[in-house]
N, C-alpha and C. Protein backbone atom coordinates (compact mmCIF):
# COMPACT_ATOMS: atom_id res chain seq x y z
N UNK A 1 -43.19 39.34 14.23
CA UNK A 1 -42.20 38.35 13.79
C UNK A 1 -41.59 38.78 12.47
N UNK A 2 -40.31 38.64 12.34
CA UNK A 2 -39.62 39.03 11.12
C UNK A 2 -39.70 37.87 10.13
N UNK A 3 -40.51 38.04 9.06
CA UNK A 3 -40.73 36.95 8.11
C UNK A 3 -39.53 36.76 7.19
N UNK A 4 -38.59 37.71 7.22
CA UNK A 4 -37.41 37.56 6.35
C UNK A 4 -36.44 36.50 6.87
N UNK A 5 -36.46 36.24 8.20
CA UNK A 5 -35.51 35.32 8.80
C UNK A 5 -35.62 33.91 8.23
N UNK A 6 -36.83 33.30 8.12
CA UNK A 6 -36.91 31.95 7.54
C UNK A 6 -36.34 31.89 6.13
N UNK A 7 -36.64 32.92 5.32
CA UNK A 7 -36.13 32.94 3.94
C UNK A 7 -34.61 33.07 3.93
N UNK A 8 -34.06 33.84 4.88
CA UNK A 8 -32.61 33.99 4.97
C UNK A 8 -31.96 32.66 5.34
N UNK A 9 -32.59 31.91 6.26
CA UNK A 9 -32.06 30.61 6.66
C UNK A 9 -32.09 29.62 5.51
N UNK A 10 -33.18 29.65 4.72
CA UNK A 10 -33.27 28.77 3.56
C UNK A 10 -32.20 29.08 2.54
N UNK A 11 -31.86 30.36 2.42
CA UNK A 11 -30.83 30.80 1.47
C UNK A 11 -29.44 30.33 1.93
N UNK A 12 -29.19 30.34 3.25
CA UNK A 12 -27.89 29.98 3.78
C UNK A 12 -27.71 28.48 3.96
N UNK A 13 -28.82 27.71 3.99
CA UNK A 13 -28.75 26.28 4.27
C UNK A 13 -27.85 25.52 3.30
N UNK A 14 -27.95 25.72 1.97
CA UNK A 14 -27.06 24.97 1.06
C UNK A 14 -25.59 25.25 1.32
N UNK A 15 -25.26 26.50 1.66
CA UNK A 15 -23.86 26.85 1.93
C UNK A 15 -23.36 26.15 3.18
N UNK A 16 -24.24 26.06 4.22
CA UNK A 16 -23.86 25.40 5.47
C UNK A 16 -23.63 23.91 5.23
N UNK A 17 -24.53 23.27 4.45
CA UNK A 17 -24.40 21.85 4.14
C UNK A 17 -23.14 21.60 3.36
N UNK A 18 -22.86 22.44 2.37
CA UNK A 18 -21.67 22.28 1.54
C UNK A 18 -20.41 22.41 2.36
N UNK A 19 -20.41 23.35 3.31
CA UNK A 19 -19.22 23.58 4.14
C UNK A 19 -18.97 22.41 5.09
N UNK A 20 -20.07 21.78 5.55
CA UNK A 20 -19.95 20.71 6.54
C UNK A 20 -19.52 19.39 5.92
N UNK A 21 -19.68 19.22 4.59
CA UNK A 21 -19.31 17.97 3.95
C UNK A 21 -17.80 17.89 3.77
N UNK A 22 -17.21 16.68 3.90
CA UNK A 22 -15.77 16.54 3.70
C UNK A 22 -15.38 16.85 2.27
N UNK A 23 -14.26 17.52 2.11
CA UNK A 23 -13.80 17.92 0.80
C UNK A 23 -13.23 16.72 0.04
N UNK A 24 -13.67 16.60 -1.21
CA UNK A 24 -13.17 15.49 -2.03
C UNK A 24 -11.77 15.82 -2.54
N UNK A 25 -10.90 14.83 -2.52
CA UNK A 25 -9.54 15.00 -3.00
C UNK A 25 -9.35 14.20 -4.28
N UNK A 26 -8.65 14.80 -5.23
CA UNK A 26 -8.37 14.13 -6.50
C UNK A 26 -6.87 14.01 -6.69
N UNK A 27 -6.46 12.94 -7.38
CA UNK A 27 -5.10 12.81 -7.87
C UNK A 27 -5.17 12.79 -9.40
N UNK A 28 -4.52 13.74 -10.03
CA UNK A 28 -4.50 13.82 -11.49
C UNK A 28 -3.18 13.23 -11.98
N UNK A 29 -3.28 12.22 -12.84
CA UNK A 29 -2.10 11.56 -13.38
C UNK A 29 -2.04 11.75 -14.90
N UNK A 30 -0.83 11.89 -15.41
CA UNK A 30 -0.66 12.10 -16.84
C UNK A 30 0.53 11.30 -17.36
N UNK A 31 0.35 10.69 -18.51
CA UNK A 31 1.44 9.99 -19.19
C UNK A 31 1.28 10.24 -20.69
N UNK A 32 2.12 11.12 -21.23
CA UNK A 32 1.96 11.51 -22.63
C UNK A 32 0.63 12.20 -22.82
N UNK A 33 -0.20 11.66 -23.72
CA UNK A 33 -1.53 12.22 -23.95
C UNK A 33 -2.60 11.55 -23.09
N UNK A 34 -2.21 10.55 -22.34
CA UNK A 34 -3.16 9.83 -21.48
C UNK A 34 -3.28 10.52 -20.12
N UNK A 35 -4.48 10.56 -19.60
CA UNK A 35 -4.72 11.13 -18.27
C UNK A 35 -5.60 10.17 -17.47
N UNK A 36 -5.49 10.28 -16.15
CA UNK A 36 -6.31 9.45 -15.27
C UNK A 36 -6.54 10.22 -13.97
N UNK A 37 -7.75 10.12 -13.45
CA UNK A 37 -8.11 10.83 -12.22
C UNK A 37 -8.56 9.85 -11.15
N UNK A 38 -7.98 9.96 -9.97
CA UNK A 38 -8.39 9.16 -8.82
C UNK A 38 -9.17 10.07 -7.87
N UNK A 39 -10.40 9.72 -7.58
CA UNK A 39 -11.24 10.50 -6.68
C UNK A 39 -11.31 9.81 -5.32
N UNK A 40 -11.08 10.60 -4.27
CA UNK A 40 -11.03 10.02 -2.93
C UNK A 40 -12.35 9.37 -2.52
N UNK A 41 -13.47 9.94 -2.95
CA UNK A 41 -14.77 9.40 -2.54
C UNK A 41 -15.07 8.05 -3.21
N UNK A 42 -14.38 7.76 -4.32
CA UNK A 42 -14.58 6.49 -5.02
C UNK A 42 -13.40 5.55 -4.83
N UNK A 43 -12.55 5.86 -3.85
CA UNK A 43 -11.31 5.12 -3.66
C UNK A 43 -11.35 4.36 -2.33
N UNK A 44 -11.13 3.05 -2.39
CA UNK A 44 -11.10 2.24 -1.17
C UNK A 44 -9.79 2.48 -0.41
N UNK A 45 -8.68 2.50 -1.14
CA UNK A 45 -7.39 2.81 -0.53
C UNK A 45 -6.37 3.19 -1.59
N UNK A 46 -5.31 3.85 -1.14
CA UNK A 46 -4.16 4.20 -1.97
C UNK A 46 -2.95 3.44 -1.42
N UNK A 47 -2.10 2.94 -2.32
CA UNK A 47 -0.87 2.27 -1.89
C UNK A 47 0.32 2.94 -2.57
N UNK A 48 1.31 3.31 -1.78
CA UNK A 48 2.53 3.92 -2.29
C UNK A 48 3.68 2.95 -2.07
N UNK A 49 4.48 2.74 -3.10
CA UNK A 49 5.59 1.79 -3.01
C UNK A 49 6.91 2.51 -3.27
N UNK A 50 7.87 2.25 -2.38
CA UNK A 50 9.20 2.87 -2.46
C UNK A 50 10.22 1.74 -2.62
N UNK A 51 11.05 1.84 -3.64
CA UNK A 51 12.10 0.84 -3.87
C UNK A 51 13.46 1.42 -3.52
N UNK A 52 14.27 0.62 -2.85
CA UNK A 52 15.63 1.03 -2.50
C UNK A 52 16.60 -0.09 -2.83
N UNK A 53 17.81 0.27 -3.12
CA UNK A 53 18.85 -0.71 -3.40
C UNK A 53 20.05 -0.42 -2.52
N UNK A 54 20.78 -1.46 -2.18
CA UNK A 54 21.96 -1.27 -1.35
C UNK A 54 22.97 -2.36 -1.60
N UNK A 55 24.16 -2.20 -1.06
CA UNK A 55 25.23 -3.18 -1.27
C UNK A 55 24.89 -4.53 -0.63
N UNK A 56 24.21 -4.49 0.51
CA UNK A 56 23.92 -5.73 1.24
C UNK A 56 22.62 -6.39 0.79
N UNK A 57 21.79 -5.67 0.03
CA UNK A 57 20.50 -6.21 -0.39
C UNK A 57 20.34 -6.11 -1.90
N UNK A 58 19.62 -7.09 -2.44
CA UNK A 58 19.29 -7.05 -3.87
C UNK A 58 18.27 -5.94 -4.12
N UNK A 59 17.24 -5.93 -3.31
CA UNK A 59 16.34 -4.78 -3.30
C UNK A 59 15.56 -4.74 -1.99
N UNK A 60 15.01 -3.57 -1.72
CA UNK A 60 14.33 -3.30 -0.46
C UNK A 60 13.09 -2.48 -0.79
N UNK A 61 11.91 -3.06 -0.61
CA UNK A 61 10.66 -2.42 -1.01
C UNK A 61 9.78 -2.16 0.21
N UNK A 62 9.25 -0.96 0.28
CA UNK A 62 8.30 -0.60 1.34
C UNK A 62 7.02 -0.10 0.69
N UNK A 63 5.89 -0.64 1.12
CA UNK A 63 4.58 -0.22 0.61
C UNK A 63 3.74 0.32 1.77
N UNK A 64 3.17 1.50 1.57
CA UNK A 64 2.30 2.13 2.57
C UNK A 64 0.89 2.19 1.99
N UNK A 65 -0.07 1.64 2.73
CA UNK A 65 -1.46 1.66 2.28
C UNK A 65 -2.30 2.49 3.24
N UNK A 66 -3.19 3.32 2.69
CA UNK A 66 -4.01 4.15 3.57
C UNK A 66 -5.04 4.96 2.83
N UNK A 67 -5.63 5.89 3.56
CA UNK A 67 -6.69 6.74 3.02
C UNK A 67 -6.11 8.05 2.51
N UNK A 68 -6.53 8.44 1.32
CA UNK A 68 -6.01 9.67 0.70
C UNK A 68 -6.54 10.90 1.42
N UNK A 69 -5.61 11.82 1.74
CA UNK A 69 -5.97 13.09 2.37
C UNK A 69 -5.81 14.24 1.38
N UNK A 70 -4.65 14.31 0.74
CA UNK A 70 -4.40 15.36 -0.24
C UNK A 70 -3.30 14.91 -1.18
N UNK A 71 -3.22 15.60 -2.34
CA UNK A 71 -2.20 15.26 -3.33
C UNK A 71 -1.82 16.49 -4.13
N UNK A 72 -0.53 16.67 -4.34
CA UNK A 72 0.00 17.73 -5.19
C UNK A 72 1.11 17.11 -6.04
N UNK A 73 1.64 17.82 -7.02
CA UNK A 73 2.75 17.27 -7.80
C UNK A 73 4.01 16.98 -6.98
N UNK A 74 4.09 17.56 -5.78
CA UNK A 74 5.30 17.38 -4.96
C UNK A 74 5.13 16.39 -3.81
N UNK A 75 3.89 16.14 -3.37
CA UNK A 75 3.72 15.19 -2.26
C UNK A 75 2.30 14.63 -2.22
N UNK A 76 2.18 13.51 -1.53
CA UNK A 76 0.88 12.86 -1.30
C UNK A 76 0.74 12.62 0.20
N UNK A 77 -0.41 12.97 0.75
CA UNK A 77 -0.67 12.80 2.17
C UNK A 77 -1.69 11.69 2.38
N UNK A 78 -1.33 10.72 3.21
CA UNK A 78 -2.20 9.60 3.54
C UNK A 78 -2.39 9.47 5.04
N UNK A 79 -3.53 8.91 5.43
CA UNK A 79 -3.68 8.40 6.79
C UNK A 79 -3.35 6.91 6.70
N UNK A 80 -2.17 6.50 7.16
CA UNK A 80 -1.73 5.11 6.94
C UNK A 80 -2.57 4.10 7.69
N UNK A 81 -2.87 3.00 7.02
CA UNK A 81 -3.58 1.89 7.65
C UNK A 81 -2.63 0.72 7.88
N UNK A 82 -1.71 0.50 6.93
CA UNK A 82 -0.76 -0.60 7.08
C UNK A 82 0.47 -0.32 6.24
N UNK A 83 1.56 -1.01 6.57
CA UNK A 83 2.78 -0.93 5.77
C UNK A 83 3.38 -2.32 5.65
N UNK A 84 4.05 -2.54 4.54
CA UNK A 84 4.66 -3.84 4.28
C UNK A 84 6.07 -3.62 3.75
N UNK A 85 7.02 -4.32 4.32
CA UNK A 85 8.42 -4.21 3.90
C UNK A 85 8.91 -5.56 3.41
N UNK A 86 9.56 -5.56 2.26
CA UNK A 86 10.14 -6.77 1.70
C UNK A 86 11.62 -6.55 1.44
N UNK A 87 12.45 -7.36 2.08
CA UNK A 87 13.89 -7.29 1.87
C UNK A 87 14.34 -8.57 1.18
N UNK A 88 15.10 -8.42 0.10
CA UNK A 88 15.61 -9.58 -0.63
C UNK A 88 17.12 -9.43 -0.75
N UNK A 89 17.85 -10.40 -0.22
CA UNK A 89 19.31 -10.35 -0.26
C UNK A 89 19.81 -10.87 -1.60
N UNK A 90 21.11 -10.75 -1.82
CA UNK A 90 21.70 -11.19 -3.09
C UNK A 90 21.63 -12.70 -3.26
N UNK A 91 21.52 -13.44 -2.16
CA UNK A 91 21.36 -14.89 -2.27
C UNK A 91 19.89 -15.29 -2.22
N UNK A 92 19.00 -14.30 -2.50
CA UNK A 92 17.55 -14.51 -2.64
C UNK A 92 16.85 -14.86 -1.33
N UNK A 93 17.45 -14.55 -0.19
CA UNK A 93 16.77 -14.71 1.09
C UNK A 93 15.76 -13.57 1.25
N UNK A 94 14.51 -13.92 1.56
CA UNK A 94 13.44 -12.93 1.66
C UNK A 94 13.01 -12.73 3.11
N UNK A 95 12.82 -11.49 3.46
CA UNK A 95 12.30 -11.15 4.79
C UNK A 95 11.15 -10.16 4.63
N UNK A 96 9.98 -10.56 5.10
CA UNK A 96 8.78 -9.73 4.94
C UNK A 96 8.23 -9.36 6.31
N UNK A 97 7.96 -8.08 6.50
CA UNK A 97 7.34 -7.61 7.75
C UNK A 97 6.12 -6.76 7.41
N UNK A 98 5.11 -6.84 8.25
CA UNK A 98 3.87 -6.10 8.03
C UNK A 98 3.48 -5.40 9.33
N UNK A 99 3.06 -4.15 9.21
CA UNK A 99 2.68 -3.34 10.38
C UNK A 99 1.30 -2.76 10.15
N UNK A 100 0.45 -2.81 11.17
CA UNK A 100 -0.89 -2.21 11.10
C UNK A 100 -0.93 -1.03 12.07
N UNK A 101 -1.53 0.07 11.61
CA UNK A 101 -1.57 1.31 12.39
C UNK A 101 -2.94 1.49 13.04
N UNK A 102 -3.00 2.26 14.14
CA UNK A 102 -4.29 2.53 14.78
C UNK A 102 -5.25 3.24 13.83
N UNK A 103 -6.54 3.08 14.10
CA UNK A 103 -7.56 3.65 13.20
C UNK A 103 -7.45 5.17 13.08
N UNK A 104 -7.09 5.83 14.16
CA UNK A 104 -7.02 7.30 14.16
C UNK A 104 -5.57 7.77 14.09
N UNK A 105 -4.86 7.27 13.10
CA UNK A 105 -3.47 7.69 12.92
C UNK A 105 -3.41 9.09 12.33
N UNK A 106 -2.30 9.76 12.58
CA UNK A 106 -2.09 11.11 12.04
C UNK A 106 -1.70 11.01 10.56
N UNK A 107 -2.11 11.99 9.74
CA UNK A 107 -1.71 11.99 8.32
C UNK A 107 -0.20 12.08 8.17
N UNK A 108 0.31 11.41 7.15
CA UNK A 108 1.75 11.41 6.88
C UNK A 108 1.97 11.90 5.45
N UNK A 109 2.94 12.79 5.28
CA UNK A 109 3.25 13.36 3.96
C UNK A 109 4.40 12.57 3.33
N UNK A 110 4.21 12.14 2.08
CA UNK A 110 5.23 11.39 1.35
C UNK A 110 5.66 12.19 0.12
N UNK A 111 6.95 12.48 -0.04
CA UNK A 111 7.42 13.22 -1.22
C UNK A 111 7.16 12.43 -2.50
N UNK A 112 6.59 13.08 -3.49
CA UNK A 112 6.23 12.39 -4.74
C UNK A 112 7.45 11.86 -5.47
N UNK A 113 8.58 12.56 -5.36
CA UNK A 113 9.77 12.13 -6.11
C UNK A 113 10.43 10.89 -5.51
N UNK A 114 9.96 10.44 -4.34
CA UNK A 114 10.50 9.23 -3.73
C UNK A 114 9.61 8.00 -4.02
N UNK A 115 8.43 8.25 -4.58
CA UNK A 115 7.46 7.17 -4.82
C UNK A 115 7.76 6.49 -6.16
N UNK A 116 7.94 5.19 -6.14
CA UNK A 116 8.17 4.45 -7.38
C UNK A 116 6.87 4.04 -8.06
N UNK A 117 5.93 3.55 -7.24
CA UNK A 117 4.67 3.05 -7.79
C UNK A 117 3.50 3.56 -6.94
N UNK A 118 2.45 4.01 -7.61
CA UNK A 118 1.20 4.39 -6.95
C UNK A 118 0.12 3.44 -7.46
N UNK A 119 -0.57 2.80 -6.55
CA UNK A 119 -1.68 1.93 -6.94
C UNK A 119 -2.89 2.25 -6.07
N UNK A 120 -4.05 1.90 -6.57
CA UNK A 120 -5.26 2.16 -5.78
C UNK A 120 -6.33 1.15 -6.13
N UNK A 121 -7.25 0.99 -5.20
CA UNK A 121 -8.40 0.12 -5.42
C UNK A 121 -9.66 0.97 -5.25
N UNK A 122 -10.52 0.93 -6.26
CA UNK A 122 -11.77 1.69 -6.19
C UNK A 122 -12.76 0.96 -5.29
N UNK A 123 -13.80 1.68 -4.86
CA UNK A 123 -14.84 1.05 -4.05
C UNK A 123 -15.53 -0.05 -4.83
N UNK A 124 -15.73 0.19 -6.14
CA UNK A 124 -16.37 -0.82 -6.99
C UNK A 124 -15.52 -2.09 -7.08
N UNK A 125 -14.19 -1.92 -7.19
CA UNK A 125 -13.29 -3.07 -7.25
C UNK A 125 -13.28 -3.83 -5.93
N UNK A 126 -13.33 -3.08 -4.82
CA UNK A 126 -13.38 -3.73 -3.51
C UNK A 126 -14.63 -4.58 -3.36
N UNK A 127 -15.77 -4.02 -3.80
CA UNK A 127 -17.02 -4.78 -3.76
C UNK A 127 -16.95 -5.98 -4.71
N UNK A 128 -16.30 -5.78 -5.87
CA UNK A 128 -16.17 -6.87 -6.83
C UNK A 128 -15.37 -8.03 -6.27
N UNK A 129 -14.28 -7.72 -5.56
CA UNK A 129 -13.48 -8.78 -4.93
C UNK A 129 -14.28 -9.53 -3.87
N UNK A 130 -15.09 -8.79 -3.12
CA UNK A 130 -15.92 -9.43 -2.09
C UNK A 130 -16.94 -10.38 -2.73
N UNK A 131 -17.56 -9.92 -3.82
CA UNK A 131 -18.54 -10.76 -4.53
C UNK A 131 -17.84 -11.97 -5.15
N UNK A 132 -16.70 -11.72 -5.81
CA UNK A 132 -15.96 -12.82 -6.42
C UNK A 132 -15.52 -13.86 -5.40
N UNK A 133 -15.03 -13.40 -4.25
CA UNK A 133 -14.61 -14.32 -3.20
C UNK A 133 -15.78 -15.14 -2.66
N UNK A 134 -16.93 -14.48 -2.51
CA UNK A 134 -18.13 -15.18 -2.02
C UNK A 134 -18.57 -16.25 -3.03
N UNK A 135 -18.50 -15.93 -4.33
CA UNK A 135 -18.89 -16.90 -5.35
C UNK A 135 -17.97 -18.11 -5.36
N UNK A 136 -16.66 -17.86 -5.14
CA UNK A 136 -15.71 -18.97 -5.09
C UNK A 136 -16.02 -19.90 -3.92
N UNK A 137 -16.30 -19.31 -2.75
CA UNK A 137 -16.60 -20.12 -1.56
C UNK A 137 -17.89 -20.91 -1.76
N UNK A 138 -18.94 -20.23 -2.25
CA UNK A 138 -20.23 -20.91 -2.46
C UNK A 138 -20.09 -22.01 -3.50
N UNK A 139 -19.39 -21.68 -4.61
CA UNK A 139 -19.20 -22.68 -5.66
C UNK A 139 -18.45 -23.90 -5.16
N UNK A 140 -17.43 -23.68 -4.31
CA UNK A 140 -16.66 -24.81 -3.76
C UNK A 140 -17.54 -25.67 -2.84
N UNK A 141 -18.38 -25.02 -2.04
CA UNK A 141 -19.26 -25.76 -1.14
C UNK A 141 -20.29 -26.57 -1.93
N UNK A 142 -20.83 -25.95 -2.98
CA UNK A 142 -21.83 -26.65 -3.80
C UNK A 142 -21.20 -27.86 -4.48
N UNK A 143 -20.02 -27.67 -5.09
CA UNK A 143 -19.38 -28.76 -5.83
C UNK A 143 -18.82 -29.85 -4.90
N UNK A 144 -18.16 -29.42 -3.82
CA UNK A 144 -17.46 -30.38 -2.97
C UNK A 144 -18.31 -31.04 -1.90
N UNK A 145 -19.39 -30.36 -1.44
CA UNK A 145 -20.16 -30.90 -0.31
C UNK A 145 -21.63 -31.14 -0.68
N UNK A 146 -22.28 -30.09 -1.19
CA UNK A 146 -23.72 -30.21 -1.44
C UNK A 146 -24.02 -31.22 -2.54
N UNK A 147 -23.24 -31.17 -3.65
CA UNK A 147 -23.50 -32.07 -4.77
C UNK A 147 -23.42 -33.55 -4.35
N UNK A 148 -22.35 -34.00 -3.69
CA UNK A 148 -22.31 -35.43 -3.30
C UNK A 148 -23.34 -35.80 -2.24
N UNK A 149 -23.58 -34.89 -1.27
CA UNK A 149 -24.53 -35.22 -0.20
C UNK A 149 -25.96 -35.36 -0.71
N UNK A 150 -26.34 -34.53 -1.67
CA UNK A 150 -27.72 -34.56 -2.19
C UNK A 150 -27.90 -35.59 -3.31
N UNK A 151 -26.80 -36.16 -3.77
CA UNK A 151 -26.90 -37.10 -4.90
C UNK A 151 -26.73 -38.56 -4.48
N UNK A 152 -26.30 -38.80 -3.27
CA UNK A 152 -26.08 -40.17 -2.83
C UNK A 152 -27.31 -40.74 -2.13
N UNK A 153 -27.60 -41.96 -2.40
CA UNK A 153 -28.67 -42.68 -1.72
C UNK A 153 -28.02 -43.44 -0.57
N UNK A 154 -28.26 -42.97 0.64
CA UNK A 154 -27.55 -43.53 1.80
C UNK A 154 -28.02 -44.96 2.13
N UNK A 155 -29.19 -45.35 1.61
CA UNK A 155 -29.66 -46.72 1.86
C UNK A 155 -28.94 -47.71 0.95
N UNK A 156 -28.79 -47.35 -0.29
CA UNK A 156 -28.17 -48.27 -1.25
C UNK A 156 -26.70 -47.96 -1.47
N UNK A 157 -26.27 -46.72 -1.12
CA UNK A 157 -24.88 -46.33 -1.33
C UNK A 157 -24.59 -45.91 -2.76
N UNK A 158 -25.62 -45.82 -3.59
CA UNK A 158 -25.43 -45.42 -4.98
C UNK A 158 -25.58 -43.91 -5.14
N UNK A 159 -24.89 -43.39 -6.15
CA UNK A 159 -24.95 -41.95 -6.45
C UNK A 159 -25.73 -41.71 -7.72
N UNK A 160 -26.65 -40.77 -7.65
CA UNK A 160 -27.39 -40.34 -8.83
C UNK A 160 -26.45 -39.46 -9.66
N UNK A 161 -25.83 -40.04 -10.66
CA UNK A 161 -24.79 -39.33 -11.42
C UNK A 161 -25.33 -38.11 -12.14
N UNK A 162 -26.55 -38.18 -12.63
CA UNK A 162 -27.13 -37.02 -13.34
C UNK A 162 -27.34 -35.85 -12.40
N UNK A 163 -27.90 -36.18 -11.23
CA UNK A 163 -28.15 -35.13 -10.26
C UNK A 163 -26.82 -34.53 -9.77
N UNK A 164 -25.86 -35.42 -9.54
CA UNK A 164 -24.54 -34.94 -9.08
C UNK A 164 -23.91 -34.03 -10.13
N UNK A 165 -23.96 -34.43 -11.40
CA UNK A 165 -23.35 -33.64 -12.48
C UNK A 165 -24.02 -32.28 -12.60
N UNK A 166 -25.36 -32.24 -12.45
CA UNK A 166 -26.09 -30.98 -12.58
C UNK A 166 -25.73 -30.01 -11.45
N UNK A 167 -25.69 -30.53 -10.21
CA UNK A 167 -25.40 -29.66 -9.07
C UNK A 167 -23.93 -29.23 -9.08
N UNK A 168 -23.04 -30.19 -9.39
CA UNK A 168 -21.62 -29.85 -9.45
C UNK A 168 -21.34 -28.83 -10.54
N UNK A 169 -22.03 -28.96 -11.67
CA UNK A 169 -21.86 -28.00 -12.77
C UNK A 169 -22.29 -26.60 -12.35
N UNK A 170 -23.36 -26.52 -11.53
CA UNK A 170 -23.79 -25.21 -11.04
C UNK A 170 -22.72 -24.59 -10.15
N UNK A 171 -22.09 -25.41 -9.30
CA UNK A 171 -21.01 -24.91 -8.44
C UNK A 171 -19.81 -24.46 -9.25
N UNK A 172 -19.44 -25.25 -10.26
CA UNK A 172 -18.33 -24.86 -11.13
C UNK A 172 -18.66 -23.59 -11.90
N UNK A 173 -19.93 -23.45 -12.27
CA UNK A 173 -20.35 -22.24 -12.97
C UNK A 173 -20.15 -21.00 -12.12
N UNK A 174 -20.45 -21.10 -10.83
CA UNK A 174 -20.23 -19.97 -9.92
C UNK A 174 -18.74 -19.62 -9.85
N UNK A 175 -17.89 -20.67 -9.80
CA UNK A 175 -16.45 -20.43 -9.77
C UNK A 175 -15.96 -19.76 -11.03
N UNK A 176 -16.49 -20.18 -12.18
CA UNK A 176 -16.09 -19.59 -13.47
C UNK A 176 -16.53 -18.13 -13.55
N UNK A 177 -17.74 -17.85 -13.07
CA UNK A 177 -18.24 -16.46 -13.09
C UNK A 177 -17.36 -15.56 -12.24
N UNK A 178 -16.83 -16.11 -11.14
CA UNK A 178 -16.02 -15.29 -10.23
C UNK A 178 -14.68 -14.87 -10.84
N UNK A 179 -14.16 -15.64 -11.81
CA UNK A 179 -12.83 -15.35 -12.36
C UNK A 179 -12.75 -13.97 -13.01
N UNK A 180 -13.63 -13.64 -13.99
CA UNK A 180 -13.54 -12.30 -14.58
C UNK A 180 -13.85 -11.18 -13.59
N UNK A 181 -14.71 -11.46 -12.61
CA UNK A 181 -15.03 -10.44 -11.59
C UNK A 181 -13.77 -10.11 -10.80
N UNK A 182 -13.02 -11.13 -10.39
CA UNK A 182 -11.79 -10.91 -9.61
C UNK A 182 -10.71 -10.25 -10.47
N UNK A 183 -10.60 -10.66 -11.75
CA UNK A 183 -9.59 -10.09 -12.63
C UNK A 183 -9.84 -8.60 -12.84
N UNK A 184 -11.11 -8.23 -13.03
CA UNK A 184 -11.46 -6.82 -13.26
C UNK A 184 -11.38 -5.99 -11.99
N UNK A 185 -11.23 -6.64 -10.84
CA UNK A 185 -11.23 -5.92 -9.56
C UNK A 185 -9.84 -5.73 -8.97
N UNK A 186 -8.80 -6.07 -9.73
CA UNK A 186 -7.45 -5.90 -9.20
C UNK A 186 -7.09 -4.42 -9.12
N UNK A 187 -6.08 -4.11 -8.32
CA UNK A 187 -5.65 -2.71 -8.17
C UNK A 187 -5.16 -2.15 -9.50
N UNK A 188 -5.41 -0.87 -9.71
CA UNK A 188 -4.83 -0.16 -10.84
C UNK A 188 -3.44 0.35 -10.42
N UNK A 189 -2.45 0.14 -11.26
CA UNK A 189 -1.06 0.43 -10.91
C UNK A 189 -0.49 1.47 -11.86
N UNK A 190 0.21 2.46 -11.27
CA UNK A 190 0.83 3.53 -12.06
C UNK A 190 2.29 3.67 -11.64
N UNK A 191 3.20 3.46 -12.57
CA UNK A 191 4.62 3.68 -12.30
C UNK A 191 4.93 5.17 -12.33
N UNK A 192 5.43 5.69 -11.23
CA UNK A 192 5.84 7.10 -11.20
C UNK A 192 7.32 7.25 -11.55
N UNK A 193 8.03 6.12 -11.56
CA UNK A 193 9.43 6.11 -11.98
C UNK A 193 9.63 4.95 -12.94
N UNK A 194 10.50 5.13 -13.92
CA UNK A 194 10.78 4.07 -14.88
C UNK A 194 11.43 2.89 -14.16
N UNK A 195 11.08 1.68 -14.57
CA UNK A 195 11.62 0.48 -13.94
C UNK A 195 12.14 -0.47 -15.02
N UNK A 196 13.29 -1.07 -14.75
CA UNK A 196 13.87 -2.03 -15.70
C UNK A 196 13.03 -3.29 -15.80
N UNK A 197 12.36 -3.63 -14.69
CA UNK A 197 11.60 -4.89 -14.64
C UNK A 197 10.14 -4.72 -15.04
N UNK A 198 9.75 -3.53 -15.48
CA UNK A 198 8.36 -3.28 -15.84
C UNK A 198 8.29 -2.55 -17.18
N UNK A 199 7.36 -2.99 -18.01
CA UNK A 199 7.15 -2.34 -19.30
C UNK A 199 6.01 -1.32 -19.25
N UNK A 200 5.48 -1.09 -18.04
CA UNK A 200 4.39 -0.12 -17.90
C UNK A 200 4.90 1.29 -18.20
N UNK A 201 4.01 2.12 -18.75
CA UNK A 201 4.37 3.51 -19.01
C UNK A 201 4.54 4.26 -17.69
N UNK A 202 5.30 5.34 -17.74
CA UNK A 202 5.57 6.14 -16.55
C UNK A 202 4.59 7.31 -16.49
N UNK A 203 4.04 7.53 -15.31
CA UNK A 203 3.06 8.60 -15.08
C UNK A 203 3.65 9.67 -14.17
N UNK A 204 3.06 10.86 -14.22
CA UNK A 204 3.42 11.92 -13.31
C UNK A 204 2.18 12.53 -12.70
N UNK A 205 2.33 13.06 -11.49
CA UNK A 205 1.21 13.72 -10.81
C UNK A 205 1.18 15.17 -11.26
N UNK A 206 0.02 15.62 -11.71
CA UNK A 206 -0.15 17.01 -12.16
C UNK A 206 -1.28 17.65 -11.37
N UNK A 207 -1.36 18.96 -11.47
CA UNK A 207 -2.41 19.69 -10.77
C UNK A 207 -3.75 19.50 -11.46
């Protein structure tokens, strides 16, 4: 038996594992001296927004949300999950349409110079929104249903005000805790083009 073969396999194993793992994609953003990096493995989704103007419309906005595939200074490739279009006429009539794509959609390349806004939600922010939403629901149930049901004496019809106040306060406390969690979990937004209606700094995609 050739004893070198097991050692050769052990030597090649890390390379095989590394090759089989999906490649992580990064988006490098720069604005003046500020930089920001979006990592695909820590990203729940990417949203690209395109603004258009025309004679018949006040503005026309299309947002594409999906999974990041690749990014360069000239284009961004996504596997689209959904798209949303908002049309606003000069008399302020709004028309909104939303489209959902199949799970195994083909990647789509979007030119970077056509993108007005890039936003993304991290996995941590997605989890934070889920936790915050759950706290709001639980807090509402505790305050609106559990507190009165557990505090009323159904024989006499009287309410134990102290017990009600304590339980309701606990429910309100859950709602209050959820507020900063939800605020900190909102999407991060980067303007890739200057906008008259936004005071946000303008970013560019770099290598």
